[in-house]
Amino acid sequence: MEVMIGTWAWGPGMNGTKMVFGESLKEDVLKESFETAVGNGFLKWDTAAVYGMGSCEKLLGGFIKGHDEIFISTKFMPSKKYKAGELKRTFEESMARLGRTYADLYWIHVPNNLEANIAEAIPLMKEGKIRSLGISNVSLAHIKLAQDLLAQEGLMLGAVQNHFSLLRNDQQPIIDYCNDSGICYYAYMVLEQGALAGRYNAKNPFPAFSMRSFAFPKSKFKKIEGLLSEMRGLADKYGVDPSQIPILWAIGKGAVPIVGITKPSHAEKLARAMQVRLTSDELETLTAQAAATGIRQQGMWEPQ
């Protein structure tokens, strides 16, 4: 089984840990978390230029020095109106923060002006600076367009990254298409920013005034009590933390989850869970419990 480690919650500033998650994190704890994860074999790491407005990339860049084995995935957030040269400039700025000359995987974060931005990425792909190109927050039509554009240059689309979780379960046709086409499908927000981690509930909600508290208020926690109970039962059965059950569910559905970690214990829990496989019956029971909540989570940045 495969996962990628995410760093959205790491950096301060806009779109960073305090604003989105309502928490402040210490660099030494993040450093220990990184080392623990790498020590447990988690070598694929995901970040983005807009996470903390570059601060997440800078932190990760400092941690990966001397770790040439680390696979780096980062992202370009295109403007609504196409700006010539913006992708290349942002790529170079990201590489400077990360201390790398190339990205193993480089994402177009949203499909704004997709054709023009892919055209701008193609020379970087041919130069070997972008080893693999991915597109995020996309439809099946976007995926097929990207495939066609790249095929004209003898290139392939490497990956798709969309929101997929027990509470956003409308991606199976895209997952199946990607897996059939040799495209890696990465799922983000599999834990719904912690709503499905087992730590929070209606009595212990998210920190007030954080973005995730607005996206998942107490009223929603009340609706997922049955799902959380099912998760706890499976966690007890397999001897893992409840936070790992949604991750294992996503893997069972054919996705590669992007899992955020902010503590060494998160990496240790994830490592233990990688020994577990949920049965088809368990996957479907979880799916049914999630559907019964009537919740469909969606980020403000996502297309409908």
C-alpha atoms as a PDB file:
ATOM      1  CA  MET A   1       0.000   0.000   0.000  1.00  0.00           C
ATOM      2  CA  GLU A   2       1.102   3.531  -0.706  1.00  0.00           C
ATOM      3  CA  VAL A   3       0.436   6.918   0.849  1.00  0.00           C
ATOM      4  CA  MET A   4       1.863  10.395   0.416  1.00  0.00           C
ATOM      5  CA  ILE A   5       2.568  12.663   3.391  1.00  0.00           C
ATOM      6  CA  GLY A   6       0.968  16.112   3.248  1.00  0.00           C
ATOM      7  CA  THR A   7       2.215  19.362   4.778  1.00  0.00           C
ATOM      8  CA  TRP A   8      -0.769  21.691   4.425  1.00  0.00           C
ATOM      9  CA  ALA A   9      -0.989  22.139   8.201  1.00  0.00           C
ATOM     10  CA  TRP A  10       2.658  23.090   8.641  1.00  0.00           C
ATOM     11  CA  GLY A  11       3.304  26.693   7.716  1.00  0.00           C
ATOM     12  CA  PRO A  12       2.082  29.940   9.300  1.00  0.00           C
ATOM     13  CA  GLY A  13       0.442  32.779   7.386  1.00  0.00           C
ATOM     14  CA  MET A  14      -2.311  32.775   4.772  1.00  0.00           C
ATOM     15  CA  ASN A  15      -3.740  29.298   4.074  1.00  0.00           C
ATOM     16  CA  GLY A  16      -1.535  27.977   6.843  1.00  0.00           C
ATOM     17  CA  THR A  17      -1.849  26.195  10.136  1.00  0.00           C
ATOM     18  CA  LYS A  18      -3.369  28.958  12.303  1.00  0.00           C
ATOM     19  CA  MET A  19      -5.830  30.248   9.716  1.00  0.00           C
ATOM     20  CA  VAL A  20      -7.038  26.889   8.402  1.00  0.00           C
ATOM     21  CA  PHE A  21      -6.537  24.539  11.338  1.00  0.00           C
ATOM     22  CA  GLY A  22      -6.692  26.895  14.322  1.00  0.00           C
ATOM     23  CA  GLU A  23      -3.383  25.658  15.710  1.00  0.00           C
ATOM     24  CA  SER A  24       0.228  26.767  15.928  1.00  0.00           C
ATOM     25  CA  LEU A  25       2.997  24.239  15.405  1.00  0.00           C
ATOM     26  CA  LYS A  26       6.612  24.164  16.533  1.00  0.00           C
ATOM     27  CA  GLU A  27       9.326  23.598  13.956  1.00  0.00           C
ATOM     28  CA  ASP A  28      11.239  21.149  16.127  1.00  0.00           C
ATOM     29  CA  VAL A  29       8.132  18.947  16.456  1.00  0.00           C
ATOM     30  CA  LEU A  30       7.580  19.057  12.709  1.00  0.00           C
ATOM     31  CA  LYS A  31      11.221  18.147  12.151  1.00  0.00           C
ATOM     32  CA  GLU A  32      10.886  15.146  14.474  1.00  0.00           C
ATOM     33  CA  SER A  33       7.657  14.192  12.705  1.00  0.00           C
ATOM     34  CA  PHE A  34       9.438  14.294   9.355  1.00  0.00           C
ATOM     35  CA  GLU A  35      12.313  12.138  10.603  1.00  0.00           C
ATOM     36  CA  THR A  36       9.926   9.640  12.180  1.00  0.00           C
ATOM     37  CA  ALA A  37       7.923   9.369   8.971  1.00  0.00           C
ATOM     38  CA  VAL A  38      11.015   8.899   6.813  1.00  0.00           C
ATOM     39  CA  GLY A  39      12.332   6.341   9.281  1.00  0.00           C
ATOM     40  CA  ASN A  40       9.097   4.409   8.780  1.00  0.00           C
ATOM     41  CA  GLY A  41       9.555   4.416   5.013  1.00  0.00           C
ATOM     42  CA  PHE A  42       7.292   7.319   4.057  1.00  0.00           C
ATOM     43  CA  LEU A  43       9.360   8.967   1.335  1.00  0.00           C
ATOM     44  CA  LYS A  44       6.699  10.717  -0.771  1.00  0.00           C
ATOM     45  CA  TRP A  45       5.952  14.256   0.398  1.00  0.00           C
ATOM     46  CA  ASP A  46       3.376  16.740  -0.838  1.00  0.00           C
ATOM     47  CA  THR A  47       3.267  20.506  -0.407  1.00  0.00           C
ATOM     48  CA  ALA A  48       2.183  23.602  -2.376  1.00  0.00           C
ATOM     49  CA  ALA A  49       3.213  27.174  -3.026  1.00  0.00           C
ATOM     50  CA  VAL A  50      -0.001  28.463  -1.430  1.00  0.00           C
ATOM     51  CA  TYR A  51       0.300  26.441   1.792  1.00  0.00           C
ATOM     52  CA  GLY A  52       1.285  29.141   4.237  1.00  0.00           C
ATOM     53  CA  MET A  53       2.216  31.196   1.155  1.00  0.00           C
ATOM     54  CA  GLY A  54       5.534  29.427   0.682  1.00  0.00           C
ATOM     55  CA  SER A  55       6.270  28.729   4.347  1.00  0.00           C
ATOM     56  CA  CYS A  56       5.400  25.020   4.066  1.00  0.00           C
ATOM     57  CA  GLU A  57       7.741  24.579   1.111  1.00  0.00           C
ATOM     58  CA  LYS A  58      10.501  26.385   2.986  1.00  0.00           C
ATOM     59  CA  LEU A  59      10.091  24.186   6.063  1.00  0.00           C
ATOM     60  CA  LEU A  60      10.056  20.990   4.025  1.00  0.00           C
ATOM     61  CA  GLY A  61      13.021  22.214   1.995  1.00  0.00           C
ATOM     62  CA  GLY A  62      15.043  22.564   5.167  1.00  0.00           C
ATOM     63  CA  PHE A  63      14.089  19.100   6.371  1.00  0.00           C
ATOM     64  CA  ILE A  64      14.914  17.261   3.134  1.00  0.00           C
ATOM     65  CA  LYS A  65      18.514  18.474   2.925  1.00  0.00           C
ATOM     66  CA  GLY A  66      20.660  15.373   2.729  1.00  0.00           C
ATOM     67  CA  HIS A  67      17.625  13.213   1.909  1.00  0.00           C
ATOM     68  CA  ASP A  68      18.047  12.691  -1.822  1.00  0.00           C
ATOM     69  CA  GLU A  69      15.653   9.739  -1.669  1.00  0.00           C
ATOM     70  CA  ILE A  70      12.672  11.977  -0.881  1.00  0.00           C
ATOM     71  CA  PHE A  71      10.024  12.254  -3.606  1.00  0.00           C
ATOM     72  CA  ILE A  72       8.756  15.842  -3.784  1.00  0.00           C
ATOM     73  CA  SER A  73       5.311  16.888  -4.973  1.00  0.00           C
ATOM     74  CA  THR A  74       4.341  20.566  -5.046  1.00  0.00           C
ATOM     75  CA  LYS A  75       1.779  22.738  -6.778  1.00  0.00           C
ATOM     76  CA  PHE A  76       1.172  25.854  -8.861  1.00  0.00           C
ATOM     77  CA  MET A  77      -2.012  27.839  -8.193  1.00  0.00           C
ATOM     78  CA  PRO A  78      -2.999  29.501 -11.487  1.00  0.00           C
ATOM     79  CA  SER A  79      -4.811  32.819 -11.557  1.00  0.00           C
ATOM     80  CA  LYS A  80      -8.334  32.960 -12.922  1.00  0.00           C
ATOM     81  CA  LYS A  81      -7.009  35.026 -15.817  1.00  0.00           C
ATOM     82  CA  TYR A  82      -4.034  33.460 -17.559  1.00  0.00           C
ATOM     83  CA  LYS A  83      -0.702  35.197 -16.958  1.00  0.00           C
ATOM     84  CA  ALA A  84       2.048  34.184 -19.348  1.00  0.00           C
ATOM     85  CA  GLY A  85       5.141  32.942 -17.537  1.00  0.00           C
ATOM     86  CA  GLU A  86       3.384  32.567 -14.174  1.00  0.00           C
ATOM     87  CA  LEU A  87       3.739  28.785 -14.017  1.00  0.00           C
ATOM     88  CA  LYS A  88       7.464  28.856 -14.790  1.00  0.00           C
ATOM     89  CA  ARG A  89       8.104  31.678 -12.321  1.00  0.00           C
ATOM     90  CA  THR A  90       6.156  29.927  -9.565  1.00  0.00           C
ATOM     91  CA  PHE A  91       7.938  26.654 -10.306  1.00  0.00           C
ATOM     92  CA  GLU A  92      11.344  28.310  -9.958  1.00  0.00           C
ATOM     93  CA  GLU A  93      10.316  30.001  -6.695  1.00  0.00           C
ATOM     94  CA  SER A  94       9.088  26.671  -5.311  1.00  0.00           C
ATOM     95  CA  MET A  95      12.313  24.927  -6.260  1.00  0.00           C
ATOM     96  CA  ALA A  96      14.320  27.670  -4.544  1.00  0.00           C
ATOM     97  CA  ARG A  97      12.349  27.203  -1.318  1.00  0.00           C
ATOM     98  CA  LEU A  98      12.635  23.422  -1.533  1.00  0.00           C
ATOM     99  CA  GLY A  99      16.327  23.442  -2.448  1.00  0.00           C
ATOM    100  CA  ARG A 100      15.710  21.269  -5.500  1.00  0.00           C
ATOM    101  CA  THR A 101      16.295  21.725  -9.220  1.00  0.00           C
ATOM    102  CA  TYR A 102      13.377  19.520 -10.245  1.00  0.00           C
ATOM    103  CA  ALA A 103      10.012  18.317  -8.946  1.00  0.00           C
ATOM    104  CA  ASP A 104       9.211  14.628  -8.979  1.00  0.00           C
ATOM    105  CA  LEU A 105       5.569  15.624  -9.358  1.00  0.00           C
ATOM    106  CA  TYR A 106       4.301  19.112 -10.168  1.00  0.00           C
ATOM    107  CA  TRP A 107       0.626  19.992 -10.007  1.00  0.00           C
ATOM    108  CA  ILE A 108      -1.621  22.512 -11.654  1.00  0.00           C
ATOM    109  CA  HIS A 109      -3.608  23.117  -8.475  1.00  0.00           C
ATOM    110  CA  VAL A 110      -6.929  24.082 -10.095  1.00  0.00           C
ATOM    111  CA  PRO A 111      -7.932  23.823 -13.775  1.00  0.00           C
ATOM    112  CA  ASN A 112      -7.960  27.557 -14.517  1.00  0.00           C
ATOM    113  CA  ASN A 113      -6.732  28.094 -18.100  1.00  0.00           C
ATOM    114  CA  LEU A 114      -5.707  24.461 -18.160  1.00  0.00           C
ATOM    115  CA  GLU A 115      -4.665  24.320 -21.798  1.00  0.00           C
ATOM    116  CA  ALA A 116      -2.405  27.388 -21.578  1.00  0.00           C
ATOM    117  CA  ASN A 117      -0.798  26.256 -18.335  1.00  0.00           C
ATOM    118  CA  ILE A 118      -0.124  22.749 -19.633  1.00  0.00           C
ATOM    119  CA  ALA A 119       1.528  24.330 -22.678  1.00  0.00           C
ATOM    120  CA  GLU A 120       3.772  26.269 -20.303  1.00  0.00           C
ATOM    121  CA  ALA A 121       4.610  23.139 -18.309  1.00  0.00           C
ATOM    122  CA  ILE A 122       5.582  21.071 -21.354  1.00  0.00           C
ATOM    123  CA  PRO A 123       9.038  22.659 -21.869  1.00  0.00           C
ATOM    124  CA  LEU A 124       9.836  22.094 -18.186  1.00  0.00           C
ATOM    125  CA  MET A 125       8.806  18.458 -18.591  1.00  0.00           C
ATOM    126  CA  LYS A 126      11.025  18.033 -21.634  1.00  0.00           C
ATOM    127  CA  GLU A 127      13.946  19.615 -19.757  1.00  0.00           C
ATOM    128  CA  GLY A 128      13.470  17.113 -16.912  1.00  0.00           C
ATOM    129  CA  LYS A 129      12.611  19.808 -14.389  1.00  0.00           C
ATOM    130  CA  ILE A 130       9.090  18.442 -14.031  1.00  0.00           C
ATOM    131  CA  ARG A 131       9.461  14.669 -13.847  1.00  0.00           C
ATOM    132  CA  SER A 132       5.701  14.106 -13.817  1.00  0.00           C
ATOM    133  CA  LEU A 133       2.772  16.508 -14.275  1.00  0.00           C
ATOM    134  CA  GLY A 134      -0.441  16.295 -12.280  1.00  0.00           C
ATOM    135  CA  ILE A 135      -3.737  18.166 -12.274  1.00  0.00           C
ATOM    136  CA  SER A 136      -5.906  18.774  -9.234  1.00  0.00           C
ATOM    137  CA  ASN A 137      -9.562  19.555  -8.498  1.00  0.00           C
ATOM    138  CA  VAL A 138     -10.558  18.329 -11.928  1.00  0.00           C
ATOM    139  CA  SER A 139     -13.351  16.550 -13.778  1.00  0.00           C
ATOM    140  CA  LEU A 140     -13.048  13.585 -16.122  1.00  0.00           C
ATOM    141  CA  ALA A 141     -13.288  16.025 -19.039  1.00  0.00           C
ATOM    142  CA  HIS A 142     -10.291  17.961 -17.689  1.00  0.00           C
ATOM    143  CA  ILE A 143      -8.317  14.729 -17.382  1.00  0.00           C
ATOM    144  CA  LYS A 144      -9.034  13.692 -20.974  1.00  0.00           C
ATOM    145  CA  LEU A 145      -8.142  17.178 -22.245  1.00  0.00           C
ATOM    146  CA  ALA A 146      -4.818  17.071 -20.380  1.00  0.00           C
ATOM    147  CA  GLN A 147      -4.080  13.605 -21.743  1.00  0.00           C
ATOM    148  CA  ASP A 148      -4.724  14.763 -25.309  1.00  0.00           C
ATOM    149  CA  LEU A 149      -2.599  17.890 -24.976  1.00  0.00           C
ATOM    150  CA  LEU A 150       0.337  15.989 -23.511  1.00  0.00           C
ATOM    151  CA  ALA A 151       0.044  13.110 -25.978  1.00  0.00           C
ATOM    152  CA  GLN A 152       0.553  15.582 -28.826  1.00  0.00           C
ATOM    153  CA  GLU A 153       4.027  16.198 -27.356  1.00  0.00           C
ATOM    154  CA  GLY A 154       4.750  12.545 -26.655  1.00  0.00           C
ATOM    155  CA  LEU A 155       4.115  13.013 -22.944  1.00  0.00           C
ATOM    156  CA  MET A 156       1.741  11.476 -20.400  1.00  0.00           C
ATOM    157  CA  LEU A 157      -0.349  12.807 -17.568  1.00  0.00           C
ATOM    158  CA  GLY A 158       1.156  11.436 -14.368  1.00  0.00           C
ATOM    159  CA  ALA A 159      -1.400  12.065 -11.659  1.00  0.00           C
ATOM    160  CA  VAL A 160      -4.766  13.418 -10.578  1.00  0.00           C
ATOM    161  CA  GLN A 161      -5.466  14.796  -7.103  1.00  0.00           C
ATOM    162  CA  ASN A 162      -9.040  15.375  -5.971  1.00  0.00           C
ATOM    163  CA  HIS A 163     -10.985  15.608  -2.725  1.00  0.00           C
ATOM    164  CA  PHE A 164     -12.074  12.080  -1.806  1.00  0.00           C
ATOM    165  CA  SER A 165     -13.251  10.798   1.543  1.00  0.00           C
ATOM    166  CA  LEU A 166     -16.058   8.952   3.278  1.00  0.00           C
ATOM    167  CA  LEU A 167     -17.882  12.294   3.279  1.00  0.00           C
ATOM    168  CA  ARG A 168     -16.994  13.165  -0.321  1.00  0.00           C
ATOM    169  CA  ASN A 169     -17.550   9.858  -2.067  1.00  0.00           C
ATOM    170  CA  ASP A 170     -18.311  10.804  -5.674  1.00  0.00           C
ATOM    171  CA  GLN A 171     -14.986  10.048  -7.289  1.00  0.00           C
ATOM    172  CA  GLN A 172     -15.120   6.334  -8.095  1.00  0.00           C
ATOM    173  CA  PRO A 173     -15.578   6.754 -11.881  1.00  0.00           C
ATOM    174  CA  ILE A 174     -12.541   9.056 -11.992  1.00  0.00           C
ATOM    175  CA  ILE A 175     -10.492   6.756  -9.746  1.00  0.00           C
ATOM    176  CA  ASP A 176     -11.307   3.777 -11.953  1.00  0.00           C
ATOM    177  CA  TYR A 177     -10.501   5.726 -15.124  1.00  0.00           C
ATOM    178  CA  CYS A 178      -7.160   6.862 -13.725  1.00  0.00           C
ATOM    179  CA  ASN A 179      -6.168   3.387 -12.563  1.00  0.00           C
ATOM    180  CA  ASP A 180      -7.129   1.929 -15.961  1.00  0.00           C
ATOM    181  CA  SER A 181      -5.120   4.659 -17.740  1.00  0.00           C
ATOM    182  CA  GLY A 182      -1.891   4.419 -15.761  1.00  0.00           C
ATOM    183  CA  ILE A 183      -2.574   7.706 -13.945  1.00  0.00           C
ATOM    184  CA  CYS A 184      -2.012   7.750 -10.183  1.00  0.00           C
ATOM    185  CA  TYR A 185      -5.067   9.031  -8.313  1.00  0.00           C
ATOM    186  CA  TYR A 186      -4.218  10.876  -5.095  1.00  0.00           C
ATOM    187  CA  ALA A 187      -6.971  11.615  -2.569  1.00  0.00           C
ATOM    188  CA  TYR A 188      -6.715  14.698  -0.381  1.00  0.00           C
ATOM    189  CA  MET A 189      -8.725  15.508   2.769  1.00  0.00           C
ATOM    190  CA  VAL A 190      -9.382  11.822   3.467  1.00  0.00           C
ATOM    191  CA  LEU A 191      -9.720  12.761   7.144  1.00  0.00           C
ATOM    192  CA  GLU A 192     -11.711  15.920   6.386  1.00  0.00           C
ATOM    193  CA  GLN A 193      -9.108  18.094   8.109  1.00  0.00           C
ATOM    194  CA  GLY A 194      -9.480  15.962  11.241  1.00  0.00           C
ATOM    195  CA  ALA A 195     -13.274  15.566  11.394  1.00  0.00           C
ATOM    196  CA  LEU A 196     -12.805  11.835  10.715  1.00  0.00           C
ATOM    197  CA  ALA A 197      -9.717  11.413  12.885  1.00  0.00           C
ATOM    198  CA  GLY A 198     -11.652  10.360  15.994  1.00  0.00           C
ATOM    199  CA  ARG A 199     -10.253  13.125  18.188  1.00  0.00           C
ATOM    200  CA  TYR A 200     -13.039  15.636  17.574  1.00  0.00           C
ATOM    201  CA  ASN A 201     -16.802  15.323  18.070  1.00  0.00           C
ATOM    202  CA  ALA A 202     -19.862  17.417  18.940  1.00  0.00           C
ATOM    203  CA  LYS A 203     -18.605  17.838  22.530  1.00  0.00           C
ATOM    204  CA  ASN A 204     -15.028  18.547  21.407  1.00  0.00           C
ATOM    205  CA  PRO A 205     -15.343  20.498  18.133  1.00  0.00           C
ATOM    206  CA  PHE A 206     -12.671  22.179  16.044  1.00  0.00           C
ATOM    207  CA  PRO A 207     -10.919  25.315  17.378  1.00  0.00           C
ATOM    208  CA  ALA A 208     -13.239  28.316  17.066  1.00  0.00           C
ATOM    209  CA  PHE A 209     -12.777  30.695  14.153  1.00  0.00           C
ATOM    210  CA  SER A 210     -10.523  28.337  12.199  1.00  0.00           C
ATOM    211  CA  MET A 211     -11.552  27.610   8.615  1.00  0.00           C
ATOM    212  CA  ARG A 212     -12.255  23.997   9.485  1.00  0.00           C
ATOM    213  CA  SER A 213     -14.626  25.010  12.303  1.00  0.00           C
ATOM    214  CA  PHE A 214     -16.756  26.838   9.748  1.00  0.00           C
ATOM    215  CA  ALA A 215     -16.590  23.909   7.315  1.00  0.00           C
ATOM    216  CA  PHE A 216     -17.453  21.352  10.005  1.00  0.00           C
ATOM    217  CA  PRO A 217     -19.520  22.796  12.881  1.00  0.00           C
ATOM    218  CA  LYS A 218     -21.000  20.900  15.838  1.00  0.00           C
ATOM    219  CA  SER A 219     -24.179  20.156  13.883  1.00  0.00           C
ATOM    220  CA  LYS A 220     -22.216  18.061  11.391  1.00  0.00           C
ATOM    221  CA  PHE A 221     -20.373  16.181  14.120  1.00  0.00           C
ATOM    222  CA  LYS A 222     -23.743  15.088  15.494  1.00  0.00           C
ATOM    223  CA  LYS A 223     -24.620  13.642  12.078  1.00  0.00           C
ATOM    224  CA  ILE A 224     -21.495  11.476  11.888  1.00  0.00           C
ATOM    225  CA  GLU A 225     -21.713   9.847  15.315  1.00  0.00           C
ATOM    226  CA  GLY A 226     -22.753   6.513  13.771  1.00  0.00           C
ATOM    227  CA  LEU A 227     -19.887   6.618  11.303  1.00  0.00           C
ATOM    228  CA  LEU A 228     -17.365   7.450  14.026  1.00  0.00           C
ATOM    229  CA  SER A 229     -18.705   4.546  16.085  1.00  0.00           C
ATOM    230  CA  GLU A 230     -18.240   2.158  13.142  1.00  0.00           C
ATOM    231  CA  MET A 231     -14.700   3.437  12.711  1.00  0.00           C
ATOM    232  CA  ARG A 232     -13.898   2.832  16.388  1.00  0.00           C
ATOM    233  CA  GLY A 233     -15.172  -0.733  16.136  1.00  0.00           C
ATOM    234  CA  LEU A 234     -12.923  -1.493  13.163  1.00  0.00           C
ATOM    235  CA  ALA A 235      -9.978   0.233  14.821  1.00  0.00           C
ATOM    236  CA  ASP A 236     -10.392  -1.980  17.884  1.00  0.00           C
ATOM    237  CA  LYS A 237     -10.643  -5.081  15.693  1.00  0.00           C
ATOM    238  CA  TYR A 238      -7.369  -4.352  13.883  1.00  0.00           C
ATOM    239  CA  GLY A 239      -5.470  -2.709  16.737  1.00  0.00           C
ATOM    240  CA  VAL A 240      -5.029   0.634  14.983  1.00  0.00           C
ATOM    241  CA  ASP A 241      -6.036   4.199  15.775  1.00  0.00           C
ATOM    242  CA  PRO A 242      -9.517   5.228  14.529  1.00  0.00           C
ATOM    243  CA  SER A 243      -7.883   7.955  12.444  1.00  0.00           C
ATOM    244  CA  GLN A 244      -6.444   5.275  10.194  1.00  0.00           C
ATOM    245  CA  ILE A 245      -9.764   3.724   9.162  1.00  0.00           C
ATOM    246  CA  PRO A 246     -10.723   6.448   6.612  1.00  0.00           C
ATOM    247  CA  ILE A 247      -7.213   6.179   5.171  1.00  0.00           C
ATOM    248  CA  LEU A 248      -7.544   2.418   4.762  1.00  0.00           C
ATOM    249  CA  TRP A 249     -11.007   2.913   3.250  1.00  0.00           C
ATOM    250  CA  ALA A 250      -9.580   5.279   0.595  1.00  0.00           C
ATOM    251  CA  ILE A 251      -6.808   2.794  -0.207  1.00  0.00           C
ATOM    252  CA  GLY A 252      -9.406   0.045  -0.526  1.00  0.00           C
ATOM    253  CA  LYS A 253     -11.255   2.199  -3.053  1.00  0.00           C
ATOM    254  CA  GLY A 254      -8.191   2.483  -5.280  1.00  0.00           C
ATOM    255  CA  ALA A 255      -6.792   5.847  -4.199  1.00  0.00           C
ATOM    256  CA  VAL A 256      -3.416   6.907  -2.810  1.00  0.00           C
ATOM    257  CA  PRO A 257      -4.264   9.025   0.252  1.00  0.00           C
ATOM    258  CA  ILE A 258      -2.388  12.193   1.093  1.00  0.00           C
ATOM    259  CA  VAL A 259      -2.089  12.075   4.872  1.00  0.00           C
ATOM    260  CA  GLY A 260      -1.122  15.110   6.912  1.00  0.00           C
ATOM    261  CA  ILE A 261       1.115  14.563   9.920  1.00  0.00           C
ATOM    262  CA  THR A 262       2.133  17.128  12.542  1.00  0.00           C
ATOM    263  CA  LYS A 263       3.393  14.846  15.332  1.00  0.00           C
ATOM    264  CA  PRO A 264       5.753  11.842  15.420  1.00  0.00           C
ATOM    265  CA  SER A 265       2.887   9.744  16.776  1.00  0.00           C
ATOM    266  CA  HIS A 266       0.910  10.406  13.577  1.00  0.00           C
ATOM    267  CA  ALA A 267       3.656   8.758  11.534  1.00  0.00           C
ATOM    268  CA  GLU A 268       3.834   5.818  13.929  1.00  0.00           C
ATOM    269  CA  LYS A 269       0.064   5.262  13.768  1.00  0.00           C
ATOM    270  CA  LEU A 270       0.186   5.401   9.982  1.00  0.00           C
ATOM    271  CA  ALA A 271       3.017   2.876   9.847  1.00  0.00           C
ATOM    272  CA  ARG A 272       1.031   0.406  11.956  1.00  0.00           C
ATOM    273  CA  ALA A 273      -2.039   0.844   9.759  1.00  0.00           C
ATOM    274  CA  MET A 274      -0.119  -0.025   6.602  1.00  0.00           C
ATOM    275  CA  GLN A 275      -0.191  -3.657   7.731  1.00  0.00           C
ATOM    276  CA  VAL A 276      -4.014  -3.737   7.624  1.00  0.00           C
ATOM    277  CA  ARG A 277      -6.417  -4.404   4.753  1.00  0.00           C
ATOM    278  CA  LEU A 278     -10.124  -3.780   5.179  1.00  0.00           C
ATOM    279  CA  THR A 279     -12.415  -6.416   3.706  1.00  0.00           C
ATOM    280  CA  SER A 280     -14.871  -5.589   0.927  1.00  0.00           C
ATOM    281  CA  ASP A 281     -17.743  -5.946   3.405  1.00  0.00           C
ATOM    282  CA  GLU A 282     -16.061  -3.517   5.813  1.00  0.00           C
ATOM    283  CA  LEU A 283     -15.474  -1.033   3.015  1.00  0.00           C
ATOM    284  CA  GLU A 284     -19.127  -1.156   2.004  1.00  0.00           C
ATOM    285  CA  THR A 285     -20.376  -0.871   5.593  1.00  0.00           C
ATOM    286  CA  LEU A 286     -18.313   2.271   6.067  1.00  0.00           C
ATOM    287  CA  THR A 287     -19.565   3.621   2.746  1.00  0.00           C
ATOM    288  CA  ALA A 288     -23.175   3.014   3.779  1.00  0.00           C
ATOM    289  CA  GLN A 289     -22.684   4.617   7.200  1.00  0.00           C
ATOM    290  CA  ALA A 290     -21.130   7.675   5.542  1.00  0.00           C
ATOM    291  CA  ALA A 291     -23.951   7.950   2.997  1.00  0.00           C
ATOM    292  CA  ALA A 292     -26.492   7.811   5.822  1.00  0.00           C
ATOM    293  CA  THR A 293     -25.075  11.056   7.261  1.00  0.00           C
ATOM    294  CA  GLY A 294     -26.339  12.972   4.228  1.00  0.00           C
ATOM    295  CA  ILE A 295     -23.141  15.033   4.244  1.00  0.00           C
ATOM    296  CA  ARG A 296     -21.177  15.963   1.127  1.00  0.00           C
ATOM    297  CA  GLN A 297     -18.123  18.000   2.088  1.00  0.00           C
ATOM    298  CA  GLN A 298     -16.741  20.531  -0.355  1.00  0.00           C
ATOM    299  CA  GLY A 299     -13.969  23.099  -0.072  1.00  0.00           C
ATOM    300  CA  MET A 300     -14.642  26.671  -1.124  1.00  0.00           C
ATOM    301  CA  TRP A 301     -11.911  26.333  -3.757  1.00  0.00           C
ATOM    302  CA  GLU A 302     -13.448  23.279  -5.403  1.00  0.00           C
ATOM    303  CA  PRO A 303     -15.603  23.267  -8.542  1.00  0.00           C
ATOM    304  CA  GLN A 304     -19.184  22.105  -7.965  1.00  0.00           C
END
